Amino acid sequence: MKCDKCHVDSAMYRATVMVCPKCHGILNAEQLFQLLEKLRISKELVEQIKKEIVLEITFS
């Protein structure tokens, strides 16, 4: 993966988010949440992101 800004040919962080191929709903984003916590994003904010994803899936 190449950075658009400085053209470095690697990525520092990567997370897998599983998405349904038919409806594009997020099935699993646990790696994303672990990465956010590792990056010292507050647990409250990570929980808010989880809730927003669930709401997006539920009402889309």
N, C-alpha and C. Protein backbone atom coordinates (compact mmCIF):
# COMPACT_ATOMS: atom_id res chain seq x y z
N MET A 1 0.85 -1.17 0.00
CA MET A 1 0.00 0.00 0.00
C MET A 1 0.89 1.24 0.00
N LYS A 2 0.62 2.15 -0.88
CA LYS A 2 1.45 3.34 -1.02
C LYS A 2 0.71 4.57 -0.49
N CYS A 3 1.43 5.39 0.27
CA CYS A 3 0.88 6.63 0.81
C CYS A 3 0.69 7.64 -0.32
N ASP A 4 -0.51 8.22 -0.42
CA ASP A 4 -0.78 9.22 -1.45
C ASP A 4 0.00 10.51 -1.23
N LYS A 5 0.28 10.81 0.03
CA LYS A 5 0.94 12.08 0.36
C LYS A 5 2.44 12.04 0.12
N CYS A 6 3.15 11.02 0.68
CA CYS A 6 4.62 11.02 0.58
C CYS A 6 5.15 9.84 -0.23
N HIS A 7 4.27 9.00 -0.76
CA HIS A 7 4.61 7.91 -1.67
C HIS A 7 5.48 6.81 -1.04
N VAL A 8 5.44 6.68 0.30
CA VAL A 8 6.13 5.58 0.97
C VAL A 8 5.36 4.30 0.64
N ASP A 9 6.09 3.22 0.40
CA ASP A 9 5.48 1.98 -0.08
C ASP A 9 5.21 0.97 1.04
N SER A 10 4.62 1.44 2.15
CA SER A 10 4.24 0.52 3.22
C SER A 10 3.22 1.19 4.12
N ALA A 11 2.62 0.39 4.99
CA ALA A 11 1.65 0.92 5.94
C ALA A 11 2.11 0.59 7.35
N MET A 12 1.85 1.49 8.29
CA MET A 12 2.26 1.25 9.67
C MET A 12 1.24 0.41 10.42
N TYR A 13 -0.04 0.58 10.14
CA TYR A 13 -1.10 -0.12 10.85
C TYR A 13 -2.05 -0.73 9.84
N ARG A 14 -2.56 -1.89 10.20
CA ARG A 14 -3.53 -2.55 9.33
C ARG A 14 -4.56 -3.25 10.21
N ALA A 15 -5.81 -3.18 9.83
CA ALA A 15 -6.88 -3.86 10.55
C ALA A 15 -7.80 -4.50 9.53
N THR A 16 -8.27 -5.68 9.85
CA THR A 16 -9.22 -6.38 8.99
C THR A 16 -10.63 -6.11 9.48
N VAL A 17 -11.50 -5.72 8.58
CA VAL A 17 -12.91 -5.54 8.88
C VAL A 17 -13.66 -6.43 7.91
N MET A 18 -14.41 -7.39 8.45
CA MET A 18 -15.15 -8.32 7.60
C MET A 18 -16.49 -7.69 7.21
N VAL A 19 -16.78 -7.71 5.89
CA VAL A 19 -17.98 -7.07 5.35
C VAL A 19 -18.75 -8.07 4.51
N CYS A 20 -20.06 -8.05 4.63
CA CYS A 20 -20.91 -8.93 3.83
C CYS A 20 -20.81 -8.54 2.36
N PRO A 21 -20.52 -9.50 1.45
CA PRO A 21 -20.38 -9.16 0.03
C PRO A 21 -21.71 -8.77 -0.63
N LYS A 22 -22.83 -9.15 -0.01
CA LYS A 22 -24.13 -8.85 -0.61
C LYS A 22 -24.67 -7.49 -0.16
N CYS A 23 -24.76 -7.29 1.16
CA CYS A 23 -25.37 -6.05 1.67
C CYS A 23 -24.36 -5.04 2.18
N HIS A 24 -23.07 -5.43 2.22
CA HIS A 24 -21.97 -4.57 2.67
C HIS A 24 -22.04 -4.21 4.15
N GLY A 25 -22.80 -4.98 4.94
CA GLY A 25 -22.84 -4.78 6.38
C GLY A 25 -21.54 -5.25 7.02
N ILE A 26 -21.13 -4.59 8.09
CA ILE A 26 -19.91 -4.98 8.79
C ILE A 26 -20.22 -6.18 9.67
N LEU A 27 -19.49 -7.28 9.44
CA LEU A 27 -19.70 -8.51 10.19
C LEU A 27 -18.80 -8.59 11.41
N ASN A 28 -17.56 -8.15 11.28
CA ASN A 28 -16.61 -8.23 12.37
C ASN A 28 -15.56 -7.15 12.18
N ALA A 29 -15.33 -6.38 13.22
CA ALA A 29 -14.33 -5.32 13.17
C ALA A 29 -13.44 -5.36 14.41
N GLU A 30 -13.29 -6.54 15.00
CA GLU A 30 -12.55 -6.66 16.25
C GLU A 30 -11.11 -6.18 16.11
N GLN A 31 -10.44 -6.47 14.98
CA GLN A 31 -9.06 -5.99 14.79
C GLN A 31 -9.02 -4.47 14.78
N LEU A 32 -10.01 -3.85 14.20
CA LEU A 32 -10.07 -2.39 14.18
C LEU A 32 -10.17 -1.85 15.60
N PHE A 33 -11.04 -2.44 16.42
CA PHE A 33 -11.21 -1.97 17.78
C PHE A 33 -9.95 -2.19 18.61
N GLN A 34 -9.28 -3.33 18.41
CA GLN A 34 -8.03 -3.59 19.12
C GLN A 34 -6.96 -2.58 18.71
N LEU A 35 -6.90 -2.26 17.43
CA LEU A 35 -5.93 -1.29 16.94
C LEU A 35 -6.20 0.10 17.53
N LEU A 36 -7.46 0.50 17.58
CA LEU A 36 -7.80 1.80 18.16
C LEU A 36 -7.37 1.87 19.62
N GLU A 37 -7.58 0.79 20.36
CA GLU A 37 -7.16 0.76 21.76
C GLU A 37 -5.64 0.79 21.86
N LYS A 38 -4.96 0.07 20.97
CA LYS A 38 -3.49 0.06 20.96
C LYS A 38 -2.94 1.46 20.68
N LEU A 39 -3.64 2.22 19.86
CA LEU A 39 -3.24 3.58 19.53
C LEU A 39 -3.65 4.58 20.62
N ARG A 40 -4.11 4.04 21.74
CA ARG A 40 -4.50 4.83 22.92
C ARG A 40 -5.72 5.72 22.69
N ILE A 41 -6.59 5.25 21.79
CA ILE A 41 -7.88 5.91 21.65
C ILE A 41 -8.68 5.51 22.89
N SER A 42 -9.36 6.43 23.51
CA SER A 42 -10.05 6.13 24.76
C SER A 42 -11.06 5.00 24.57
N LYS A 43 -11.22 4.19 25.62
CA LYS A 43 -12.18 3.08 25.56
C LYS A 43 -13.60 3.60 25.33
N GLU A 44 -13.90 4.77 25.88
CA GLU A 44 -15.22 5.36 25.68
C GLU A 44 -15.46 5.68 24.21
N LEU A 45 -14.45 6.21 23.54
CA LEU A 45 -14.58 6.52 22.12
C LEU A 45 -14.68 5.24 21.28
N VAL A 46 -13.92 4.21 21.63
CA VAL A 46 -14.00 2.93 20.92
C VAL A 46 -15.40 2.35 21.09
N GLU A 47 -15.96 2.42 22.29
CA GLU A 47 -17.33 1.93 22.52
C GLU A 47 -18.34 2.73 21.70
N GLN A 48 -18.13 4.04 21.60
CA GLN A 48 -19.02 4.88 20.80
C GLN A 48 -18.94 4.48 19.33
N ILE A 49 -17.75 4.20 18.83
CA ILE A 49 -17.58 3.76 17.44
C ILE A 49 -18.30 2.44 17.21
N LYS A 50 -18.17 1.50 18.15
CA LYS A 50 -18.88 0.21 18.04
C LYS A 50 -20.39 0.44 17.94
N LYS A 51 -20.92 1.31 18.81
CA LYS A 51 -22.36 1.58 18.80
C LYS A 51 -22.80 2.21 17.48
N GLU A 52 -21.99 3.13 16.96
CA GLU A 52 -22.31 3.78 15.69
C GLU A 52 -22.33 2.77 14.54
N ILE A 53 -21.40 1.82 14.55
CA ILE A 53 -21.36 0.79 13.51
C ILE A 53 -22.62 -0.06 13.59
N VAL A 54 -22.99 -0.46 14.80
CA VAL A 54 -24.20 -1.28 14.98
C VAL A 54 -25.43 -0.51 14.50
N LEU A 55 -25.53 0.76 14.86
CA LEU A 55 -26.66 1.58 14.41
C LEU A 55 -26.69 1.70 12.89
N GLU A 56 -25.52 1.89 12.29
CA GLU A 56 -25.44 2.01 10.83
C GLU A 56 -25.91 0.74 10.15
N ILE A 57 -25.48 -0.41 10.68
CA ILE A 57 -25.89 -1.70 10.11
C ILE A 57 -27.39 -1.90 10.30
N THR A 58 -27.88 -1.59 11.49
CA THR A 58 -29.28 -1.83 11.83
C THR A 58 -30.24 -0.97 11.00
N PHE A 59 -29.89 0.27 10.78
CA PHE A 59 -30.82 1.20 10.13
C PHE A 59 -30.46 1.56 8.69
N SER A 60 -29.56 0.80 8.07
CA SER A 60 -29.24 1.11 6.67
C SER A 60 -29.89 0.14 5.73
